[in-house]
């Protein structure tokens, strides 16, 4: 699928291939998240209403399943509150904004388990976080189980929460072949070591024909995604989001040479070194 935006919100121009692994890198406020949220919106409308958009060009016989947008692990801390608030708002027709990406993710997480916990993907994550994150229907909330310990989510690390999303969504088959999975700066709450593990895991998802778009400003994450994608020989496309003089954003295709990404993202460190040397 080719996804195209022009003069939309902050985006002046963007043409992004959503096939295999797609990565949009860039500084804050350069339109990375905007692309991901509009992609979620358009794919969702296509799936629910068979509403085709000029923004999307599908390949012949392309399989598309429901999109998933994951932004912050803090959502799992407030799962029960957000879910019940959403229900009350709908029942009473109240006008209180909750983004569709959030309310939809809450719905996806609370679906019943369909796959075995013996699956490689589930066990891979379990080995990383030392346990499992799961939805308890009787308590209508999310918990982390480590051995015999049952721990409330607000007491766990954000890294555990981030990997926990995948445990639940894979087991209930919300993530499956054709799913458009959008990860908005997933590295924000992860130590560099876990960023590398997450990058490797993302590539394993792509190998199962899941379409993944990652937005990031972490050199660790981007470099790892490129390394594992090339090693696995999967389709991968890399883009750099930059502001123009008129404060709009352009998404450049840098797949053939990703060095501009690292030049841009390491500029602050280079500037810091200059200051230390008294050169600026």
Foldseek 3Di string as FASTA:
>chain_A
DWFWDDPDVQAHTDIWDQAQEEEEEEDPLLCQVVSVVVVLVQLQCCVPPVDDDPRDDDDPPAFADHEAEDEFLCCQLCLQVVQVVVVVCVVVVPDDDDDPNSNVLSVLLPADFDDDCPDPLNVLLCVVQQFAWHADPVVRHIWTDHPPDIHRPVPDARLNSLSNSVNRNVRNVVQAANYEYEYEASCPRPDLVVLLVVLLSSNVSSVRRYGYYYYHLDPSNVVSNVVNCVVVVGDYWYWYWDADPVRGIYIHTQRVPCVVSVVNSCVVVVVVVCVVVVND
